[in-house]
Amino acid sequence: MMLGYLFFGPYDWLLIPGLLVGLYAQLKLSSTYKRYVREPVQSGLSGAEAAREILDRAGLSGVRVVPVAGHLTDHYDPNRRTLCLSHENYHGRSVAALGVAAHEAGHALQHQAAYAPLQLRMMLVPATNFATTAAGLILVVGFLLVMFRVISPTLYGQLLPFAIGAYAVVTFFQLITLPVEYDASRRAKQQLLRLDLIRPQEQRSVHRVLNAAALTYVAALVTAVLELTRLVLVSRSFSSDD
């Protein structure tokens, strides 16, 4: 009976708040981005040009700015020292494009300054990737092995703490991501104004775009915490059943 708690049990209600927050965050980001991607920036700069200006002024001429495929696939790769912008933000000359481009440039500035949370997140990437795979294998593959009677439910219950430990690493990674993202946005706003890449009256629009993007990371953390809590409760149910 306890085995059923894992995927369709009484603790599944814990996933609902995470799903709702995640859905709201995605809708908020989509609507906000669509609104401000139509608002031309008064400086006339493209996202790529703004990012290049921020990087060059900071002495980061060695960091490349390149276009990548996809929608809102923008990111900074610290290993390759490359700032990747989606085509709409690389070529776009909107408030949204400059906000996103400056945010990614903010990550490069963090890298240059050896910003501690970014350094920690970079160190955690291999462990997080391994933990994500390990948790999936234990939860899904282990569940199937029990279903086909390859292993016993008792053994599966004994494996759950390892899945919880792995998922705790994932949750911690999401927690560390929050200050990294918010600090990158703070740096972005400062640089856009300091270098006169946006006008003061455009600051509010940039603020709204970056806050909407940051909300997706809050949603990811909420979802991770709730899933971790659910796994702990399921594991306790296995223990009490024994």
Protein backbone atom coordinates (compact mmCIF):
# COMPACT_ATOMS: atom_id res chain seq x y z
CA MET A 1 0.00 0.00 0.00
CA MET A 2 2.82 2.42 0.86
CA LEU A 3 4.28 1.96 -2.63
CA GLY A 4 1.23 3.64 -4.12
CA TYR A 5 1.92 6.77 -2.06
CA LEU A 6 4.87 7.58 -4.28
CA PHE A 7 2.96 8.51 -7.45
CA PHE A 8 -0.74 8.59 -6.57
CA GLY A 9 -1.03 8.85 -2.82
CA PRO A 10 -2.36 11.23 -0.16
CA TYR A 11 0.71 13.46 -0.33
CA ASP A 12 0.22 14.41 -3.97
CA TRP A 13 -1.64 17.56 -2.92
CA LEU A 14 1.78 19.00 -2.04
CA LEU A 15 2.55 19.18 -5.76
CA ILE A 16 -0.45 21.39 -6.53
CA PRO A 17 0.96 24.68 -5.11
CA GLY A 18 4.18 24.14 -7.04
CA LEU A 19 2.29 23.49 -10.26
CA LEU A 20 0.16 26.61 -9.75
CA VAL A 21 3.14 28.82 -8.94
CA GLY A 22 5.04 27.42 -11.90
CA LEU A 23 2.11 28.01 -14.25
CA TYR A 24 1.66 31.56 -12.97
CA ALA A 25 5.38 32.29 -13.36
CA GLN A 26 5.42 31.06 -16.96
CA LEU A 27 2.29 33.02 -17.87
CA LYS A 28 3.66 36.13 -16.18
CA LEU A 29 6.97 35.87 -18.01
CA SER A 30 5.28 35.21 -21.35
CA SER A 31 2.84 38.13 -21.09
CA THR A 32 5.45 40.56 -19.73
CA TYR A 33 8.02 39.65 -22.36
CA LYS A 34 5.48 39.90 -25.18
CA ARG A 35 4.48 43.35 -23.97
CA TYR A 36 7.96 44.83 -23.73
CA VAL A 37 9.46 43.09 -26.73
CA ARG A 38 7.19 45.43 -28.71
CA GLU A 39 8.54 48.52 -26.93
CA PRO A 40 11.51 49.94 -28.89
CA VAL A 41 14.42 51.08 -26.77
CA GLN A 42 15.19 54.75 -27.25
CA SER A 43 18.93 54.19 -27.61
CA GLY A 44 18.27 52.08 -30.72
CA LEU A 45 20.76 49.44 -29.59
CA SER A 46 20.25 45.72 -30.11
CA GLY A 47 20.57 43.26 -27.25
CA ALA A 48 23.90 42.05 -28.62
CA GLU A 49 25.25 45.61 -28.88
CA ALA A 50 24.16 46.43 -25.33
CA ALA A 51 25.74 43.25 -23.95
CA ARG A 52 28.96 43.96 -25.87
CA GLU A 53 29.09 47.49 -24.47
CA ILE A 54 28.63 46.28 -20.88
CA LEU A 55 31.27 43.59 -21.29
CA ASP A 56 33.82 45.85 -22.98
CA ARG A 57 33.41 48.60 -20.38
CA ALA A 58 34.09 45.99 -17.70
CA GLY A 59 37.25 44.80 -19.44
CA LEU A 60 35.63 41.56 -20.62
CA SER A 61 36.41 41.86 -24.32
CA GLY A 62 37.35 38.18 -24.30
CA VAL A 63 33.77 37.13 -23.57
CA ARG A 64 31.97 36.33 -26.81
CA VAL A 65 28.37 37.29 -27.53
CA VAL A 66 26.70 34.80 -29.86
CA PRO A 67 23.16 34.04 -31.07
CA VAL A 68 21.49 30.73 -30.17
CA ALA A 69 18.32 29.07 -31.39
CA GLY A 70 15.12 28.93 -29.36
CA HIS A 71 12.81 31.23 -27.43
CA LEU A 72 14.27 32.76 -24.24
CA THR A 73 17.22 30.37 -24.36
CA ASP A 74 19.54 33.17 -23.24
CA HIS A 75 22.32 32.16 -20.87
CA TYR A 76 25.93 32.77 -19.90
CA ASP A 77 28.36 29.85 -20.20
CA PRO A 78 31.17 30.44 -17.67
CA ASN A 79 33.24 27.51 -18.92
CA ARG A 80 33.36 28.79 -22.50
CA ARG A 81 33.17 32.44 -21.42
CA THR A 82 30.37 32.95 -23.89
CA LEU A 83 27.19 34.98 -23.58
CA CYS A 84 24.45 33.30 -25.61
CA LEU A 85 21.38 35.26 -26.66
CA SER A 86 18.27 33.96 -28.42
CA HIS A 87 17.88 35.45 -31.89
CA GLU A 88 15.03 37.72 -30.81
CA ASN A 89 17.16 39.24 -28.05
CA TYR A 90 20.44 39.18 -29.98
CA HIS A 91 19.01 41.18 -32.88
CA GLY A 92 16.06 42.80 -31.10
CA ARG A 93 16.09 46.50 -30.28
CA SER A 94 13.43 46.42 -27.60
CA VAL A 95 13.40 47.14 -23.88
CA ALA A 96 12.92 43.42 -23.27
CA ALA A 97 15.91 42.48 -25.45
CA LEU A 98 18.22 44.90 -23.65
CA GLY A 99 16.97 43.79 -20.24
CA VAL A 100 17.61 40.12 -20.94
CA ALA A 101 20.97 40.78 -22.63
CA ALA A 102 22.13 42.95 -19.73
CA HIS A 103 21.03 40.27 -17.25
CA GLU A 104 23.22 37.67 -18.95
CA ALA A 105 26.06 40.16 -19.06
CA GLY A 106 25.47 40.52 -15.32
CA HIS A 107 26.42 36.86 -14.93
CA ALA A 108 29.70 37.56 -16.73
CA LEU A 109 30.34 40.41 -14.30
CA GLN A 110 29.65 38.03 -11.42
CA HIS A 111 32.15 35.57 -12.89
CA GLN A 112 34.74 38.31 -13.19
CA ALA A 113 34.19 39.38 -9.56
CA ALA A 114 34.26 35.75 -8.31
CA TYR A 115 30.79 36.28 -6.85
CA ALA A 116 30.51 33.55 -4.20
CA PRO A 117 26.99 32.24 -4.95
CA LEU A 118 27.85 31.93 -8.65
CA GLN A 119 31.08 30.10 -7.80
CA LEU A 120 29.14 27.73 -5.56
CA ARG A 121 26.50 27.12 -8.23
CA MET A 122 29.19 26.33 -10.80
CA MET A 123 30.75 23.84 -8.38
CA LEU A 124 27.35 22.23 -7.78
CA VAL A 125 26.49 21.67 -11.45
CA PRO A 126 28.17 18.22 -11.80
CA ALA A 127 26.76 17.04 -8.46
CA THR A 128 23.30 18.35 -9.34
CA ASN A 129 23.31 16.60 -12.72
CA PHE A 130 24.33 13.34 -11.05
CA ALA A 131 21.75 13.80 -8.28
CA THR A 132 18.97 14.46 -10.78
CA THR A 133 19.80 11.24 -12.64
CA ALA A 134 20.21 9.22 -9.44
CA ALA A 135 16.90 10.39 -7.98
CA GLY A 136 15.10 9.55 -11.22
CA LEU A 137 16.62 6.08 -11.39
CA ILE A 138 15.73 5.26 -7.79
CA LEU A 139 12.19 6.62 -7.95
CA VAL A 140 11.11 5.48 -11.41
CA VAL A 141 13.26 2.45 -12.20
CA GLY A 142 13.01 1.22 -8.62
CA PHE A 143 9.23 1.57 -8.74
CA LEU A 144 9.08 -0.48 -11.95
CA LEU A 145 11.33 -3.16 -10.45
CA VAL A 146 8.92 -3.49 -7.54
CA MET A 147 5.95 -3.65 -9.90
CA PHE A 148 7.58 -6.52 -11.78
CA ARG A 149 8.59 -8.13 -8.47
CA VAL A 150 12.32 -7.90 -9.14
CA ILE A 151 12.88 -6.22 -5.77
CA SER A 152 10.67 -6.07 -2.68
CA PRO A 153 8.76 -2.99 -1.48
CA THR A 154 10.82 -3.15 1.70
CA LEU A 155 14.07 -2.85 -0.26
CA TYR A 156 12.57 -0.02 -2.26
CA GLY A 157 11.66 1.79 0.95
CA GLN A 158 15.27 1.42 2.09
CA LEU A 159 16.43 3.07 -1.15
CA LEU A 160 14.15 6.09 -0.77
CA PRO A 161 16.47 7.97 1.65
CA PHE A 162 19.13 7.94 -1.08
CA ALA A 163 16.64 9.49 -3.50
CA ILE A 164 15.77 12.07 -0.86
CA GLY A 165 19.43 12.91 -0.38
CA ALA A 166 19.89 13.29 -4.13
CA TYR A 167 16.82 15.49 -4.42
CA ALA A 168 18.06 17.60 -1.50
CA VAL A 169 21.11 18.45 -3.63
CA VAL A 170 18.80 19.54 -6.46
CA THR A 171 16.77 21.66 -4.04
CA PHE A 172 19.90 23.29 -2.64
CA PHE A 173 20.99 24.10 -6.19
CA GLN A 174 17.67 25.86 -6.79
CA LEU A 175 18.12 27.78 -3.54
CA ILE A 176 21.60 28.98 -4.53
CA THR A 177 20.28 29.99 -7.95
CA LEU A 178 17.98 32.66 -6.48
CA PRO A 179 20.66 35.11 -5.22
CA VAL A 180 22.65 34.53 -8.41
CA GLU A 181 19.73 35.51 -10.63
CA TYR A 182 18.57 38.46 -8.55
CA ASP A 183 22.10 39.84 -8.29
CA ALA A 184 22.58 39.52 -12.06
CA SER A 185 19.40 41.55 -12.57
CA ARG A 186 20.61 44.17 -10.10
CA ARG A 187 23.90 44.49 -11.99
CA ALA A 188 22.03 44.66 -15.29
CA LYS A 189 19.86 47.59 -14.18
CA GLN A 190 22.89 49.44 -12.84
CA GLN A 191 24.91 49.00 -16.02
CA LEU A 192 22.07 49.91 -18.37
CA LEU A 193 21.59 53.23 -16.59
CA ARG A 194 25.25 53.96 -15.86
CA LEU A 195 26.26 53.45 -19.49
CA ASP A 196 23.19 55.34 -20.75
CA LEU A 197 21.96 52.29 -22.70
CA ILE A 198 18.41 52.97 -21.54
CA ARG A 199 16.66 56.16 -20.49
CA PRO A 200 15.52 56.60 -16.87
CA GLN A 201 11.88 56.31 -17.93
CA GLU A 202 12.60 52.86 -19.40
CA GLN A 203 13.94 51.54 -16.10
CA ARG A 204 10.51 50.44 -14.89
CA SER A 205 9.93 48.39 -18.04
CA VAL A 206 13.28 46.62 -17.67
CA HIS A 207 12.51 46.02 -13.99
CA ARG A 208 9.23 44.31 -14.87
CA VAL A 209 10.83 42.06 -17.49
CA LEU A 210 13.62 40.92 -15.17
CA ASN A 211 11.29 40.42 -12.20
CA ALA A 212 9.00 38.24 -14.32
CA ALA A 213 12.00 36.14 -15.37
CA ALA A 214 13.20 35.83 -11.77
CA LEU A 215 9.79 34.56 -10.71
CA THR A 216 10.41 31.36 -12.70
CA TYR A 217 13.37 30.58 -10.43
CA VAL A 218 11.23 31.18 -7.35
CA ALA A 219 8.67 28.74 -8.78
CA ALA A 220 11.40 26.16 -9.41
CA LEU A 221 12.53 26.41 -5.79
CA VAL A 222 8.98 26.13 -4.43
CA THR A 223 8.37 23.05 -6.59
CA ALA A 224 11.64 21.44 -5.46
CA VAL A 225 10.94 22.06 -1.76
CA LEU A 226 7.43 20.64 -2.01
CA GLU A 227 8.60 17.56 -3.91
CA LEU A 228 11.36 17.00 -1.36
CA THR A 229 8.80 17.29 1.45
CA ARG A 230 6.53 14.79 -0.30
CA LEU A 231 9.36 12.28 -0.67
CA VAL A 232 10.23 12.60 3.03
CA LEU A 233 6.60 11.92 3.99
CA VAL A 234 6.42 8.93 1.64
CA SER A 235 9.64 7.55 3.10
CA ARG A 236 8.23 7.88 6.62
CA SER A 237 5.13 6.03 5.51
CA PHE A 238 7.31 3.13 4.36
CA SER A 239 9.09 3.14 7.73
CA SER A 240 5.87 3.20 9.76
CA ASP A 241 4.42 0.44 7.61
CA ASP A 242 7.39 -1.77 8.48
